[in-house]
Protein backbone atom coordinates (compact mmCIF):
# COMPACT_ATOMS: atom_id res chain seq x y z
CA MET A 1 -122.71 -136.50 136.19
CA TYR A 2 -123.61 -133.01 136.13
CA ILE A 3 -120.35 -131.55 138.15
CA LEU A 4 -118.30 -133.76 135.95
CA THR A 5 -119.76 -132.53 132.52
CA GLU A 6 -119.63 -129.03 133.79
CA LYS A 7 -115.14 -129.57 134.40
CA ILE A 8 -115.24 -130.87 131.02
CA ALA A 9 -116.83 -127.59 129.47
CA ALA A 10 -114.82 -125.57 131.59
CA GLN A 11 -111.58 -127.58 130.39
CA LEU A 12 -112.65 -127.20 126.92
CA GLU A 13 -113.78 -123.42 127.18
CA LYS A 14 -110.02 -122.82 128.71
CA SER A 15 -108.24 -124.70 126.19
CA ARG A 16 -110.23 -122.61 123.42
CA ILE A 17 -111.13 -125.67 121.03
CA ALA A 18 -113.98 -123.76 119.60
CA ASP A 19 -111.69 -121.24 118.70
CA TYR A 20 -109.20 -123.31 116.87
CA THR A 21 -112.13 -125.20 115.19
CA GLN A 22 -113.46 -122.01 113.51
CA LEU A 23 -110.31 -121.25 112.50
CA LEU A 24 -109.56 -124.49 110.77
CA ASN A 25 -112.93 -124.09 108.77
CA ARG A 26 -111.21 -120.33 107.60
CA PRO A 27 -108.31 -121.43 105.95
CA TRP A 28 -107.43 -117.57 104.36
CA LYS A 29 -107.86 -116.47 108.02
CA LEU A 30 -105.47 -118.93 109.50
CA ILE A 31 -102.77 -118.10 106.48
CA TRP A 32 -103.40 -114.36 107.24
CA LEU A 33 -102.36 -114.92 111.07
CA ASN A 34 -99.76 -117.12 110.46
CA LEU A 35 -98.08 -114.44 107.61
CA LEU A 36 -98.65 -111.87 110.48
CA ALA A 37 -96.59 -113.78 112.88
CA GLY A 38 -93.99 -114.57 110.73
CA SER A 39 -93.43 -111.27 109.86
CA ALA A 40 -93.56 -110.06 113.35
CA LYS A 41 -90.94 -112.49 114.29
CA GLY A 42 -88.74 -111.63 111.26
CA VAL A 43 -89.17 -107.97 112.27
CA GLY A 44 -88.17 -108.93 115.56
CA ILE A 45 -85.00 -111.33 114.86
CA ALA A 46 -83.89 -108.30 112.44
CA ILE A 47 -84.02 -105.89 115.41
CA GLY A 48 -82.73 -107.77 117.63
CA PHE A 49 -79.71 -109.19 115.48
CA THR A 50 -78.89 -105.43 114.78
CA PHE A 51 -78.52 -104.43 118.31
CA PHE A 52 -76.67 -107.56 118.99
CA ALA A 53 -74.33 -106.66 116.18
CA ALA A 54 -74.14 -103.31 117.42
CA THR A 55 -72.95 -103.94 120.61
CA ILE A 56 -70.17 -106.44 119.62
CA ILE A 57 -69.26 -103.29 117.37
CA TYR A 58 -68.89 -101.00 119.75
CA PHE A 59 -67.07 -103.27 122.18
CA LEU A 60 -64.70 -104.37 119.31
CA GLN A 61 -63.93 -100.38 119.25
CA ALA A 62 -63.44 -99.89 122.47
CA LEU A 63 -61.17 -102.95 122.63
CA GLY A 64 -59.10 -101.71 119.34
CA ALA A 65 -58.88 -98.33 121.15
CA LEU A 66 -56.75 -99.91 123.99
CA ASN A 67 -53.91 -101.26 121.46
CA LEU A 68 -53.86 -104.43 123.07
CA PRO A 69 -51.17 -106.34 121.05
CA ILE A 70 -52.82 -109.73 120.48
CA ILE A 71 -56.46 -108.27 120.23
CA GLY A 72 -55.72 -105.28 118.09
CA ASP A 73 -54.06 -107.50 115.63
CA TYR A 74 -57.00 -109.82 115.87
CA ILE A 75 -59.37 -106.70 115.49
CA ALA A 76 -57.24 -105.10 112.78
CA ASP A 77 -57.64 -108.23 110.98
CA ILE A 78 -61.25 -108.33 111.40
CA VAL A 79 -61.43 -104.89 109.98
CA ARG A 80 -59.75 -105.75 106.85
CA ILE A 81 -61.39 -108.51 105.78
CA VAL A 82 -64.73 -106.31 106.32
CA GLN A 83 -63.11 -103.44 104.29
CA ARG A 84 -62.19 -106.08 101.78
CA GLN A 85 -65.43 -107.55 101.03
CA LEU A 86 -67.20 -103.93 101.18
CA GLU A 87 -64.85 -103.34 98.28
CA LEU A 88 -65.63 -106.23 96.59
CA GLY A 89 -69.75 -106.04 96.89
């Protein structure tokens, strides 16, 4: 019985249930941690999307420089659309 109790106690300690219950008893700390985590996720998404978009634009510019007939027209259309949106905005 003692060994079983020790195993259960060790598993509870590993799951950090005590920390979780303390966090639930302090709602402002829980709100602060969630706000911080959400902000970090937002910044990470913004940085990731910026890198992804820059990479795509770089490849589109490289394809546009090759003057491929079909792809070049498509890229030119995209550039015109973006310029029109920038003028309207």
